[in-house]
């Protein structure tokens, strides 16, 4: 049960980082949860944490070697989700680690486009 998919292929790790439950995420990772376990759409726990702006969880995932350049099937990086949601500290975190600022989604949108659309 600990690593079984719940919902729409999201794992307990996806859920823990989405809601900022850092201790739960750390416990799951320390007991073997796969840090880059993606849904069928390529959505990893790092994408989930970026979407909700959970910087502490993002740092934990990266410490466990989560790939910040992992793209979904729509070519979205975690950076795109953070930019779209106005999560400035998360955007800075990814850019400081070399995530390409000009990476485009499948619809040719960069993080800057997404941030501008979101206001």
PDB file of N, CA and C in Angstrom:
ATOM      1  N   UNK A   1       0.817  -1.196   0.000  1.00  0.00           N
ATOM      2  CA  UNK A   1       0.000   0.000   0.000  1.00  0.00           C
ATOM      3  C   UNK A   1       0.862   1.261   0.000  1.00  0.00           C
ATOM      4  N   UNK A   2       2.031   1.183   0.591  1.00  0.00           N
ATOM      5  CA  UNK A   2       2.873   2.365   0.746  1.00  0.00           C
ATOM      6  C   UNK A   2       3.242   3.007  -0.579  1.00  0.00           C
ATOM      7  N   UNK A   3       3.427   2.217  -1.629  1.00  0.00           N
ATOM      8  CA  UNK A   3       3.878   2.779  -2.899  1.00  0.00           C
ATOM      9  C   UNK A   3       2.873   2.563  -4.030  1.00  0.00           C
ATOM     10  N   UNK A   4       1.694   2.091  -3.692  1.00  0.00           N
ATOM     11  CA  UNK A   4       0.676   1.865  -4.713  1.00  0.00           C
ATOM     12  C   UNK A   4       0.131   3.195  -5.223  1.00  0.00           C
ATOM     13  N   UNK A   5      -0.180   3.244  -6.498  1.00  0.00           N
ATOM     14  CA  UNK A   5      -0.768   4.446  -7.081  1.00  0.00           C
ATOM     15  C   UNK A   5      -2.156   4.690  -6.500  1.00  0.00           C
ATOM     16  N   UNK A   6      -2.464   5.960  -6.271  1.00  0.00           N
ATOM     17  CA  UNK A   6      -3.793   6.359  -5.822  1.00  0.00           C
ATOM     18  C   UNK A   6      -4.331   7.376  -6.810  1.00  0.00           C
ATOM     19  N   UNK A   7      -5.624   7.536  -6.847  1.00  0.00           N
ATOM     20  CA  UNK A   7      -6.204   8.534  -7.746  1.00  0.00           C
ATOM     21  C   UNK A   7      -5.867   8.226  -9.188  1.00  0.00           C
ATOM     22  N   UNK A   8      -5.357   9.207  -9.879  1.00  0.00           N
ATOM     23  CA  UNK A   8      -5.014   9.070 -11.293  1.00  0.00           C
ATOM     24  C   UNK A   8      -3.512   8.845 -11.404  1.00  0.00           C
ATOM     25  N   UNK A   9      -3.058   7.689 -11.048  1.00  0.00           N
ATOM     26  CA  UNK A   9      -1.660   7.270 -11.080  1.00  0.00           C
ATOM     27  C   UNK A   9      -0.746   8.098 -10.184  1.00  0.00           C
ATOM     28  N   UNK A  10      -1.286   8.904  -9.309  1.00  0.00           N
ATOM     29  CA  UNK A  10      -0.416   9.636  -8.387  1.00  0.00           C
ATOM     30  C   UNK A  10      -0.092   8.741  -7.200  1.00  0.00           C
ATOM     31  N   UNK A  11       1.144   8.831  -6.760  1.00  0.00           N
ATOM     32  CA  UNK A  11       1.608   8.025  -5.642  1.00  0.00           C
ATOM     33  C   UNK A  11       1.408   8.782  -4.329  1.00  0.00           C
ATOM     34  N   UNK A  12       1.576   8.103  -3.208  1.00  0.00           N
ATOM     35  CA  UNK A  12       1.543   8.814  -1.938  1.00  0.00           C
ATOM     36  C   UNK A  12       2.574   9.950  -1.880  1.00  0.00           C
ATOM     37  N   UNK A  13       3.711   9.783  -2.563  1.00  0.00           N
ATOM     38  CA  UNK A  13       4.711  10.852  -2.584  1.00  0.00           C
ATOM     39  C   UNK A  13       4.172  12.082  -3.310  1.00  0.00           C
ATOM     40  N   UNK A  14       3.482  11.891  -4.425  1.00  0.00           N
ATOM     41  CA  UNK A  14       2.838  13.020  -5.110  1.00  0.00           C
ATOM     42  C   UNK A  14       1.942  13.783  -4.126  1.00  0.00           C
ATOM     43  N   UNK A  15       1.123  13.030  -3.404  1.00  0.00           N
ATOM     44  CA  UNK A  15       0.173  13.653  -2.482  1.00  0.00           C
ATOM     45  C   UNK A  15       0.883  14.375  -1.338  1.00  0.00           C
ATOM     46  N   UNK A  16       1.898  13.750  -0.779  1.00  0.00           N
ATOM     47  CA  UNK A  16       2.620  14.369   0.340  1.00  0.00           C
ATOM     48  C   UNK A  16       3.239  15.700  -0.056  1.00  0.00           C
ATOM     49  N   UNK A  17       3.900  15.748  -1.208  1.00  0.00           N
ATOM     50  CA  UNK A  17       4.570  16.998  -1.601  1.00  0.00           C
ATOM     51  C   UNK A  17       3.579  18.043  -2.097  1.00  0.00           C
ATOM     52  N   UNK A  18       2.470  17.612  -2.667  1.00  0.00           N
ATOM     53  CA  UNK A  18       1.444  18.563  -3.102  1.00  0.00           C
ATOM     54  C   UNK A  18       0.952  19.392  -1.927  1.00  0.00           C
ATOM     55  N   UNK A  19       0.783  18.751  -0.789  1.00  0.00           N
ATOM     56  CA  UNK A  19       0.232  19.421   0.386  1.00  0.00           C
ATOM     57  C   UNK A  19       1.293  19.853   1.396  1.00  0.00           C
ATOM     58  N   UNK A  20       2.563  19.734   1.022  1.00  0.00           N
ATOM     59  CA  UNK A  20       3.640  20.234   1.870  1.00  0.00           C
ATOM     60  C   UNK A  20       3.943  19.401   3.099  1.00  0.00           C
ATOM     61  N   UNK A  21       3.604  18.130   3.055  1.00  0.00           N
ATOM     62  CA  UNK A  21       3.871  17.245   4.194  1.00  0.00           C
ATOM     63  C   UNK A  21       5.299  16.707   4.087  1.00  0.00           C
ATOM     64  N   UNK A  22       6.248  17.545   4.475  1.00  0.00           N
ATOM     65  CA  UNK A  22       7.673  17.253   4.299  1.00  0.00           C
ATOM     66  C   UNK A  22       8.109  15.995   5.054  1.00  0.00           C
ATOM     67  N   UNK A  23       7.618  15.808   6.290  1.00  0.00           N
ATOM     68  CA  UNK A  23       8.034  14.629   7.058  1.00  0.00           C
ATOM     69  C   UNK A  23       7.533  13.345   6.412  1.00  0.00           C
ATOM     70  N   UNK A  24       6.323  13.378   5.892  1.00  0.00           N
ATOM     71  CA  UNK A  24       5.781  12.199   5.212  1.00  0.00           C
ATOM     72  C   UNK A  24       6.593  11.921   3.946  1.00  0.00           C
ATOM     73  N   UNK A  25       6.878  12.965   3.184  1.00  0.00           N
ATOM     74  CA  UNK A  25       7.666  12.804   1.959  1.00  0.00           C
ATOM     75  C   UNK A  25       9.041  12.225   2.273  1.00  0.00           C
ATOM     76  N   UNK A  26       9.678  12.744   3.306  1.00  0.00           N
ATOM     77  CA  UNK A  26      11.005  12.244   3.675  1.00  0.00           C
ATOM     78  C   UNK A  26      10.948  10.784   4.111  1.00  0.00           C
ATOM     79  N   UNK A  27       9.916  10.426   4.860  1.00  0.00           N
ATOM     80  CA  UNK A  27       9.767   9.037   5.287  1.00  0.00           C
ATOM     81  C   UNK A  27       9.570   8.122   4.074  1.00  0.00           C
ATOM     82  N   UNK A  28       8.720   8.534   3.135  1.00  0.00           N
ATOM     83  CA  UNK A  28       8.487   7.724   1.936  1.00  0.00           C
ATOM     84  C   UNK A  28       9.774   7.544   1.132  1.00  0.00           C
ATOM     85  N   UNK A  29      10.503   8.628   0.936  1.00  0.00           N
ATOM     86  CA  UNK A  29      11.755   8.557   0.171  1.00  0.00           C
ATOM     87  C   UNK A  29      12.798   7.700   0.877  1.00  0.00           C
ATOM     88  N   UNK A  30      12.904   7.847   2.183  1.00  0.00           N
ATOM     89  CA  UNK A  30      13.907   7.076   2.931  1.00  0.00           C
ATOM     90  C   UNK A  30      13.588   5.588   2.930  1.00  0.00           C
ATOM     91  N   UNK A  31      12.332   5.253   2.650  1.00  0.00           N
ATOM     92  CA  UNK A  31      11.927   3.846   2.612  1.00  0.00           C
ATOM     93  C   UNK A  31      11.753   3.314   1.197  1.00  0.00           C
ATOM     94  N   UNK A  32      12.280   4.057   0.223  1.00  0.00           N
ATOM     95  CA  UNK A  32      12.357   3.512  -1.125  1.00  0.00           C
ATOM     96  C   UNK A  32      11.376   4.027  -2.155  1.00  0.00           C
ATOM     97  N   UNK A  33      10.570   5.023  -1.815  1.00  0.00           N
ATOM     98  CA  UNK A  33       9.674   5.578  -2.838  1.00  0.00           C
ATOM     99  C   UNK A  33      10.520   6.137  -3.979  1.00  0.00           C
ATOM    100  N   UNK A  34      10.070   5.935  -5.197  1.00  0.00           N
ATOM    101  CA  UNK A  34      10.809   6.417  -6.368  1.00  0.00           C
ATOM    102  C   UNK A  34      10.559   7.911  -6.534  1.00  0.00           C
ATOM    103  N   UNK A  35      11.634   8.679  -6.510  1.00  0.00           N
ATOM    104  CA  UNK A  35      11.535  10.135  -6.516  1.00  0.00           C
ATOM    105  C   UNK A  35      10.941  10.673  -7.812  1.00  0.00           C
ATOM    106  N   UNK A  36      11.190  10.018  -8.934  1.00  0.00           N
ATOM    107  CA  UNK A  36      10.681  10.489 -10.223  1.00  0.00           C
ATOM    108  C   UNK A  36       9.603   9.564 -10.793  1.00  0.00           C
ATOM    109  N   UNK A  37       8.832   8.944  -9.918  1.00  0.00           N
ATOM    110  CA  UNK A  37       7.743   8.079 -10.366  1.00  0.00           C
ATOM    111  C   UNK A  37       6.670   8.952 -11.013  1.00  0.00           C
ATOM    112  N   UNK A  38       6.504   8.818 -12.324  1.00  0.00           N
ATOM    113  CA  UNK A  38       5.608   9.700 -13.078  1.00  0.00           C
ATOM    114  C   UNK A  38       4.280   9.024 -13.402  1.00  0.00           C
ATOM    115  N   UNK A  39       3.249   9.850 -13.531  1.00  0.00           N
ATOM    116  CA  UNK A  39       1.957   9.369 -14.009  1.00  0.00           C
ATOM    117  C   UNK A  39       2.077   9.060 -15.502  1.00  0.00           C
ATOM    118  N   UNK A  40       1.022   8.555 -16.091  1.00  0.00           N
ATOM    119  CA  UNK A  40       1.051   8.263 -17.526  1.00  0.00           C
ATOM    120  C   UNK A  40       1.236   9.529 -18.352  1.00  0.00           C
ATOM    121  N   UNK A  41       0.968  10.685 -17.777  1.00  0.00           N
ATOM    122  CA  UNK A  41       1.175  11.971 -18.458  1.00  0.00           C
ATOM    123  C   UNK A  41       2.561  12.552 -18.167  1.00  0.00           C
ATOM    124  N   UNK A  42       3.374  11.815 -17.396  1.00  0.00           N
ATOM    125  CA  UNK A  42       4.728  12.272 -17.105  1.00  0.00           C
ATOM    126  C   UNK A  42       4.838  13.224 -15.934  1.00  0.00           C
ATOM    127  N   UNK A  43       3.791  13.341 -15.129  1.00  0.00           N
ATOM    128  CA  UNK A  43       3.726  14.264 -13.993  1.00  0.00           C
ATOM    129  C   UNK A  43       4.388  13.621 -12.779  1.00  0.00           C
ATOM    130  N   UNK A  44       5.527  14.170 -12.364  1.00  0.00           N
ATOM    131  CA  UNK A  44       6.292  13.615 -11.243  1.00  0.00           C
ATOM    132  C   UNK A  44       5.933  14.333  -9.940  1.00  0.00           C
ATOM    133  N   UNK A  45       6.390  13.802  -8.807  1.00  0.00           N
ATOM    134  CA  UNK A  45       6.205  14.538  -7.563  1.00  0.00           C
ATOM    135  C   UNK A  45       6.803  15.949  -7.614  1.00  0.00           C
ATOM    136  N   UNK A  46       7.890  16.133  -8.353  1.00  0.00           N
ATOM    137  CA  UNK A  46       8.484  17.466  -8.466  1.00  0.00           C
ATOM    138  C   UNK A  46       7.537  18.426  -9.189  1.00  0.00           C
ATOM    139  N   UNK A  47       6.853  17.963 -10.218  1.00  0.00           N
ATOM    140  CA  UNK A  47       5.844  18.793 -10.886  1.00  0.00           C
ATOM    141  C   UNK A  47       4.743  19.178  -9.895  1.00  0.00           C
ATOM    142  N   UNK A  48       4.304  18.203  -9.093  1.00  0.00           N
ATOM    143  CA  UNK A  48       3.229  18.449  -8.127  1.00  0.00           C
ATOM    144  C   UNK A  48       3.646  19.496  -7.097  1.00  0.00           C
ATOM    145  N   UNK A  49       4.848  19.369  -6.571  1.00  0.00           N
ATOM    146  CA  UNK A  49       5.337  20.328  -5.575  1.00  0.00           C
ATOM    147  C   UNK A  49       5.524  21.711  -6.186  1.00  0.00           C
ATOM    148  N   UNK A  50       5.975  21.762  -7.431  1.00  0.00           N
ATOM    149  CA  UNK A  50       6.144  23.052  -8.110  1.00  0.00           C
ATOM    150  C   UNK A  50       4.794  23.723  -8.331  1.00  0.00           C
ATOM    151  N   UNK A  51       3.793  22.946  -8.688  1.00  0.00           N
ATOM    152  CA  UNK A  51       2.452  23.477  -8.939  1.00  0.00           C
ATOM    153  C   UNK A  51       1.886  24.184  -7.709  1.00  0.00           C
ATOM    154  N   UNK A  52       2.142  23.609  -6.537  1.00  0.00           N
ATOM    155  CA  UNK A  52       1.599  24.192  -5.307  1.00  0.00           C
ATOM    156  C   UNK A  52       2.612  25.060  -4.561  1.00  0.00           C
ATOM    157  N   UNK A  53       3.823  25.175  -5.104  1.00  0.00           N
ATOM    158  CA  UNK A  53       4.813  26.074  -4.513  1.00  0.00           C
ATOM    159  C   UNK A  53       5.447  25.582  -3.231  1.00  0.00           C
ATOM    160  N   UNK A  54       5.579  24.292  -3.078  1.00  0.00           N
ATOM    161  CA  UNK A  54       6.128  23.705  -1.852  1.00  0.00           C
ATOM    162  C   UNK A  54       7.656  23.636  -1.939  1.00  0.00           C
ATOM    163  N   UNK A  55       8.304  24.773  -1.706  1.00  0.00           N
ATOM    164  CA  UNK A  55       9.751  24.874  -1.902  1.00  0.00           C
ATOM    165  C   UNK A  55      10.536  23.895  -1.038  1.00  0.00           C
ATOM    166  N   UNK A  56      10.148  23.733   0.203  1.00  0.00           N
ATOM    167  CA  UNK A  56      10.871  22.801   1.080  1.00  0.00           C
ATOM    168  C   UNK A  56      10.787  21.369   0.530  1.00  0.00           C
ATOM    169  N   UNK A  57       9.636  20.995   0.027  1.00  0.00           N
ATOM    170  CA  UNK A  57       9.481  19.664  -0.580  1.00  0.00           C
ATOM    171  C   UNK A  57      10.286  19.554  -1.866  1.00  0.00           C
ATOM    172  N   UNK A  58      10.328  20.626  -2.636  1.00  0.00           N
ATOM    173  CA  UNK A  58      11.116  20.638  -3.871  1.00  0.00           C
ATOM    174  C   UNK A  58      12.591  20.432  -3.551  1.00  0.00           C
ATOM    175  N   UNK A  59      13.080  21.119  -2.532  1.00  0.00           N
ATOM    176  CA  UNK A  59      14.480  20.959  -2.127  1.00  0.00           C
ATOM    177  C   UNK A  59      14.755  19.519  -1.713  1.00  0.00           C
ATOM    178  N   UNK A  60      13.827  18.919  -0.974  1.00  0.00           N
ATOM    179  CA  UNK A  60      13.978  17.522  -0.564  1.00  0.00           C
ATOM    180  C   UNK A  60      14.031  16.600  -1.786  1.00  0.00           C
ATOM    181  N   UNK A  61      13.116  16.782  -2.716  1.00  0.00           N
ATOM    182  CA  UNK A  61      13.086  15.938  -3.915  1.00  0.00           C
ATOM    183  C   UNK A  61      14.374  16.066  -4.723  1.00  0.00           C
ATOM    184  N   UNK A  62      14.869  17.272  -4.867  1.00  0.00           N
ATOM    185  CA  UNK A  62      16.122  17.485  -5.605  1.00  0.00           C
ATOM    186  C   UNK A  62      17.295  16.860  -4.843  1.00  0.00           C
ATOM    187  N   UNK A  63      17.271  16.948  -3.514  1.00  0.00           N
ATOM    188  CA  UNK A  63      18.308  16.286  -2.714  1.00  0.00           C
ATOM    189  C   UNK A  63      18.308  14.773  -2.958  1.00  0.00           C
ATOM    190  N   UNK A  64      17.137  14.223  -3.243  1.00  0.00           N
ATOM    191  CA  UNK A  64      17.009  12.794  -3.560  1.00  0.00           C
ATOM    192  C   UNK A  64      17.159  12.535  -5.066  1.00  0.00           C
ATOM    193  N   UNK A  65      17.688  13.519  -5.776  1.00  0.00           N
ATOM    194  CA  UNK A  65      18.042  13.415  -7.199  1.00  0.00           C
ATOM    195  C   UNK A  65      16.850  13.410  -8.158  1.00  0.00           C
ATOM    196  N   UNK A  66      15.785  14.097  -7.783  1.00  0.00           N
ATOM    197  CA  UNK A  66      14.700  14.291  -8.740  1.00  0.00           C
ATOM    198  C   UNK A  66      15.216  15.168  -9.877  1.00  0.00           C
ATOM    199  N   UNK A  67      14.773  14.896 -11.076  1.00  0.00           N
ATOM    200  CA  UNK A  67      15.253  15.588 -12.266  1.00  0.00           C
ATOM    201  C   UNK A  67      14.417  16.841 -12.540  1.00  0.00           C
ATOM    202  N   UNK A  68      14.969  18.042 -12.325  1.00  0.00           N
ATOM    203  CA  UNK A  68      14.194  19.266 -12.565  1.00  0.00           C
ATOM    204  C   UNK A  68      13.948  19.544 -14.045  1.00  0.00           C
ATOM    205  N   UNK A  69      14.584  18.776 -14.927  1.00  0.00           N
ATOM    206  CA  UNK A  69      14.380  18.940 -16.371  1.00  0.00           C
ATOM    207  C   UNK A  69      13.441  17.884 -16.962  1.00  0.00           C
ATOM    208  N   UNK A  70      12.764  17.139 -16.105  1.00  0.00           N
ATOM    209  CA  UNK A  70      11.819  16.120 -16.551  1.00  0.00           C
ATOM    210  C   UNK A  70      10.605  16.822 -17.152  1.00  0.00           C
ATOM    211  N   UNK A  71      10.215  16.422 -18.350  1.00  0.00           N
ATOM    212  CA  UNK A  71       9.046  17.032 -18.992  1.00  0.00           C
ATOM    213  C   UNK A  71       7.870  16.059 -19.020  1.00  0.00           C
ATOM    214  N   UNK A  72       6.677  16.614 -18.929  1.00  0.00           N
ATOM    215  CA  UNK A  72       5.458  15.821 -19.058  1.00  0.00           C
ATOM    216  C   UNK A  72       5.231  15.502 -20.534  1.00  0.00           C
ATOM    217  N   UNK A  73       4.171  14.787 -20.822  1.00  0.00           N
ATOM    218  CA  UNK A  73       3.858  14.476 -22.215  1.00  0.00           C
ATOM    219  C   UNK A  73       3.497  15.734 -23.005  1.00  0.00           C
ATOM    220  N   UNK A  74       3.131  16.813 -22.308  1.00  0.00           N
ATOM    221  CA  UNK A  74       2.859  18.104 -22.951  1.00  0.00           C
ATOM    222  C   UNK A  74       4.081  19.021 -22.925  1.00  0.00           C
ATOM    223  N   UNK A  75       5.219  18.433 -22.561  1.00  0.00           N
ATOM    224  CA  UNK A  75       6.497  19.156 -22.528  1.00  0.00           C
ATOM    225  C   UNK A  75       6.560  20.239 -21.448  1.00  0.00           C
ATOM    226  N   UNK A  76       5.848  20.033 -20.358  1.00  0.00           N
ATOM    227  CA  UNK A  76       5.884  20.973 -19.238  1.00  0.00           C
ATOM    228  C   UNK A  76       6.959  20.538 -18.243  1.00  0.00           C
ATOM    229  N   UNK A  77       7.825  21.466 -17.907  1.00  0.00           N
ATOM    230  CA  UNK A  77       8.794  21.289 -16.824  1.00  0.00           C
ATOM    231  C   UNK A  77       8.134  21.700 -15.506  1.00  0.00           C
ATOM    232  N   UNK A  78       8.693  21.281 -14.374  1.00  0.00           N
ATOM    233  CA  UNK A  78       8.212  21.833 -13.111  1.00  0.00           C
ATOM    234  C   UNK A  78       8.260  23.369 -13.106  1.00  0.00           C
ATOM    235  N   UNK A  79       9.257  23.941 -13.760  1.00  0.00           N
ATOM    236  CA  UNK A  79       9.372  25.399 -13.886  1.00  0.00           C
ATOM    237  C   UNK A  79       8.115  26.014 -14.486  1.00  0.00           C
ATOM    238  N   UNK A  80       7.548  25.386 -15.502  1.00  0.00           N
ATOM    239  CA  UNK A  80       6.340  25.920 -16.139  1.00  0.00           C
ATOM    240  C   UNK A  80       5.182  26.004 -15.148  1.00  0.00           C
ATOM    241  N   UNK A  81       5.014  24.954 -14.335  1.00  0.00           N
ATOM    242  CA  UNK A  81       3.930  24.960 -13.344  1.00  0.00           C
ATOM    243  C   UNK A  81       4.140  26.066 -12.315  1.00  0.00           C
ATOM    244  N   UNK A  82       5.365  26.219 -11.847  1.00  0.00           N
ATOM    245  CA  UNK A  82       5.656  27.260 -10.858  1.00  0.00           C
ATOM    246  C   UNK A  82       5.410  28.648 -11.435  1.00  0.00           C
ATOM    247  N   UNK A  83       5.832  28.867 -12.665  1.00  0.00           N
ATOM    248  CA  UNK A  83       5.642  30.174 -13.302  1.00  0.00           C
ATOM    249  C   UNK A  83       4.162  30.470 -13.507  1.00  0.00           C
ATOM    250  N   UNK A  84       3.424  29.483 -13.971  1.00  0.00           N
ATOM    251  CA  UNK A  84       1.995  29.659 -14.215  1.00  0.00           C
ATOM    252  C   UNK A  84       1.249  30.021 -12.932  1.00  0.00           C
ATOM    253  N   UNK A  85       1.724  29.498 -11.803  1.00  0.00           N
ATOM    254  CA  UNK A  85       1.049  29.718 -10.525  1.00  0.00           C
ATOM    255  C   UNK A  85       1.655  30.872  -9.720  1.00  0.00           C
ATOM    256  N   UNK A  86       2.633  31.575 -10.303  1.00  0.00           N
ATOM    257  CA  UNK A  86       3.209  32.731  -9.621  1.00  0.00           C
ATOM    258  C   UNK A  86       4.071  32.392  -8.421  1.00  0.00           C
ATOM    259  N   UNK A  87       4.710  31.255  -8.430  1.00  0.00           N
ATOM    260  CA  UNK A  87       5.545  30.799  -7.310  1.00  0.00           C
ATOM    261  C   UNK A  87       6.988  31.254  -7.542  1.00  0.00           C
ATOM    262  N   UNK A  88       7.253  32.519  -7.246  1.00  0.00           N
ATOM    263  CA  UNK A  88       8.530  33.155  -7.567  1.00  0.00           C
ATOM    264  C   UNK A  88       9.725  32.435  -6.954  1.00  0.00           C
ATOM    265  N   UNK A  89       9.644  32.080  -5.682  1.00  0.00           N
ATOM    266  CA  UNK A  89      10.796  31.424  -5.045  1.00  0.00           C
ATOM    267  C   UNK A  89      11.094  30.077  -5.698  1.00  0.00           C
ATOM    268  N   UNK A  90      10.067  29.396  -6.172  1.00  0.00           N
ATOM    269  CA  UNK A  90      10.252  28.115  -6.847  1.00  0.00           C
ATOM    270  C   UNK A  90      10.864  28.335  -8.231  1.00  0.00           C
ATOM    271  N   UNK A  91      10.387  29.343  -8.941  1.00  0.00           N
ATOM    272  CA  UNK A  91      10.964  29.683 -10.247  1.00  0.00           C
ATOM    273  C   UNK A  91      12.450  29.992 -10.081  1.00  0.00           C
ATOM    274  N   UNK A  92      12.791  30.817  -9.096  1.00  0.00           N
ATOM    275  CA  UNK A  92      14.198  31.157  -8.841  1.00  0.00           C
ATOM    276  C   UNK A  92      15.014  29.914  -8.524  1.00  0.00           C
ATOM    277  N   UNK A  93      14.464  29.014  -7.729  1.00  0.00           N
ATOM    278  CA  UNK A  93      15.149  27.774  -7.367  1.00  0.00           C
ATOM    279  C   UNK A  93      15.527  26.988  -8.622  1.00  0.00           C
ATOM    280  N   UNK A  94      14.579  26.817  -9.527  1.00  0.00           N
ATOM    281  CA  UNK A  94      14.856  26.052 -10.746  1.00  0.00           C
ATOM    282  C   UNK A  94      15.846  26.771 -11.654  1.00  0.00           C
ATOM    283  N   UNK A  95      15.687  28.065 -11.810  1.00  0.00           N
ATOM    284  CA  UNK A  95      16.606  28.816 -12.672  1.00  0.00           C
ATOM    285  C   UNK A  95      18.025  28.798 -12.107  1.00  0.00           C
ATOM    286  N   UNK A  96      18.154  28.879 -10.782  1.00  0.00           N
ATOM    287  CA  UNK A  96      19.472  28.816 -10.142  1.00  0.00           C
ATOM    288  C   UNK A  96      20.149  27.464 -10.364  1.00  0.00           C
ATOM    289  N   UNK A  97      19.367  26.449 -10.680  1.00  0.00           N
ATOM    290  CA  UNK A  97      19.913  25.112 -10.915  1.00  0.00           C
ATOM    291  C   UNK A  97      20.028  24.781 -12.399  1.00  0.00           C
ATOM    292  N   UNK A  98      19.917  25.791 -13.235  1.00  0.00           N
ATOM    293  CA  UNK A  98      20.183  25.610 -14.656  1.00  0.00           C
ATOM    294  C   UNK A  98      19.035  25.122 -15.511  1.00  0.00           C
ATOM    295  N   UNK A  99      17.826  25.108 -14.963  1.00  0.00           N
ATOM    296  CA  UNK A  99      16.683  24.741 -15.800  1.00  0.00           C
ATOM    297  C   UNK A  99      16.546  25.815 -16.876  1.00  0.00           C
ATOM    298  N   UNK A 100      16.424  25.422 -18.129  1.00  0.00           N
ATOM    299  CA  UNK A 100      16.417  26.412 -19.215  1.00  0.00           C
ATOM    300  C   UNK A 100      15.191  27.325 -19.178  1.00  0.00           C
ATOM    301  N   UNK A 101      15.448  28.614 -19.101  1.00  0.00           N
ATOM    302  CA  UNK A 101      14.384  29.611 -19.019  1.00  0.00           C
ATOM    303  C   UNK A 101      13.559  29.657 -20.300  1.00  0.00           C
ATOM    304  N   UNK A 102      14.149  29.255 -21.414  1.00  0.00           N
ATOM    305  CA  UNK A 102      13.460  29.343 -22.703  1.00  0.00           C
ATOM    306  C   UNK A 102      12.827  28.022 -23.154  1.00  0.00           C
ATOM    307  N   UNK A 103      12.763  27.039 -22.262  1.00  0.00           N
ATOM    308  CA  UNK A 103      12.125  25.762 -22.604  1.00  0.00           C
ATOM    309  C   UNK A 103      10.651  25.993 -22.923  1.00  0.00           C
ATOM    310  N   UNK A 104      10.169  25.310 -23.965  1.00  0.00           N
ATOM    311  CA  UNK A 104       8.789  25.515 -24.408  1.00  0.00           C
ATOM    312  C   UNK A 104       7.920  24.282 -24.202  1.00  0.00           C
ATOM    313  N   UNK A 105       6.667  24.541 -23.870  1.00  0.00           N
ATOM    314  CA  UNK A 105       5.675  23.476 -23.788  1.00  0.00           C
ATOM    315  C   UNK A 105       5.321  23.029 -25.204  1.00  0.00           C
ATOM    316  N   UNK A 106       4.482  22.023 -25.305  1.00  0.00           N
ATOM    317  CA  UNK A 106       4.059  21.526 -26.612  1.00  0.00           C
ATOM    318  C   UNK A 106       3.310  22.603 -27.407  1.00  0.00           C
ATOM    319  N   UNK A 107       2.754  23.591 -26.693  1.00  0.00           N
ATOM    320  CA  UNK A 107       2.048  24.699 -27.354  1.00  0.00           C
ATOM    321  C   UNK A 107       2.939  25.933 -27.503  1.00  0.00           C
ATOM    322  N   UNK A 108       4.250  25.719 -27.437  1.00  0.00           N
ATOM    323  CA  UNK A 108       5.260  26.779 -27.643  1.00  0.00           C
ATOM    324  C   UNK A 108       5.171  27.911 -26.624  1.00  0.00           C
ATOM    325  N   UNK A 109       4.867  27.577 -25.378  1.00  0.00           N
ATOM    326  CA  UNK A 109       4.817  28.570 -24.301  1.00  0.00           C
ATOM    327  C   UNK A 109       6.030  28.392 -23.390  1.00  0.00           C
ATOM    328  N   UNK A 110       6.688  29.503 -23.083  1.00  0.00           N
ATOM    329  CA  UNK A 110       7.784  29.484 -22.115  1.00  0.00           C
ATOM    330  C   UNK A 110       7.222  29.802 -20.734  1.00  0.00           C
ATOM    331  N   UNK A 111       8.073  29.697 -19.727  1.00  0.00           N
ATOM    332  CA  UNK A 111       7.662  30.060 -18.371  1.00  0.00           C
ATOM    333  C   UNK A 111       7.215  31.518 -18.318  1.00  0.00           C
ATOM    334  N   UNK A 112       7.890  32.384 -19.053  1.00  0.00           N
ATOM    335  CA  UNK A 112       7.511  33.801 -19.085  1.00  0.00           C
ATOM    336  C   UNK A 112       6.108  33.981 -19.664  1.00  0.00           C
ATOM    337  N   UNK A 113       5.799  33.282 -20.751  1.00  0.00           N
ATOM    338  CA  UNK A 113       4.447  33.349 -21.321  1.00  0.00           C
ATOM    339  C   UNK A 113       3.407  32.940 -20.280  1.00  0.00           C
ATOM    340  N   UNK A 114       3.660  31.831 -19.607  1.00  0.00           N
ATOM    341  CA  UNK A 114       2.697  31.302 -18.641  1.00  0.00           C
ATOM    342  C   UNK A 114       2.512  32.246 -17.461  1.00  0.00           C
ATOM    343  N   UNK A 115       3.605  32.844 -16.998  1.00  0.00           N
ATOM    344  CA  UNK A 115       3.513  33.806 -15.894  1.00  0.00           C
ATOM    345  C   UNK A 115       2.712  35.032 -16.321  1.00  0.00           C
ATOM    346  N   UNK A 116       2.945  35.504 -17.535  1.00  0.00           N
ATOM    347  CA  UNK A 116       2.230  36.687 -18.033  1.00  0.00           C
ATOM    348  C   UNK A 116       0.737  36.401 -18.188  1.00  0.00           C
ATOM    349  N   UNK A 117       0.390  35.226 -18.709  1.00  0.00           N
ATOM    350  CA  UNK A 117      -1.022  34.866 -18.871  1.00  0.00           C
ATOM    351  C   UNK A 117      -1.727  34.786 -17.525  1.00  0.00           C
ATOM    352  N   UNK A 118      -1.012  34.283 -16.527  1.00  0.00           N
ATOM    353  CA  UNK A 118      -1.607  34.108 -15.202  1.00  0.00           C
ATOM    354  C   UNK A 118      -1.750  35.429 -14.454  1.00  0.00           C
ATOM    355  N   UNK A 119      -0.962  36.414 -14.862  1.00  0.00           N
ATOM    356  CA  UNK A 119      -1.044  37.724 -14.209  1.00  0.00           C
ATOM    357  C   UNK A 119      -0.150  37.778 -13.055  1.00  0.00           C
TER     358      UNK A 119
END
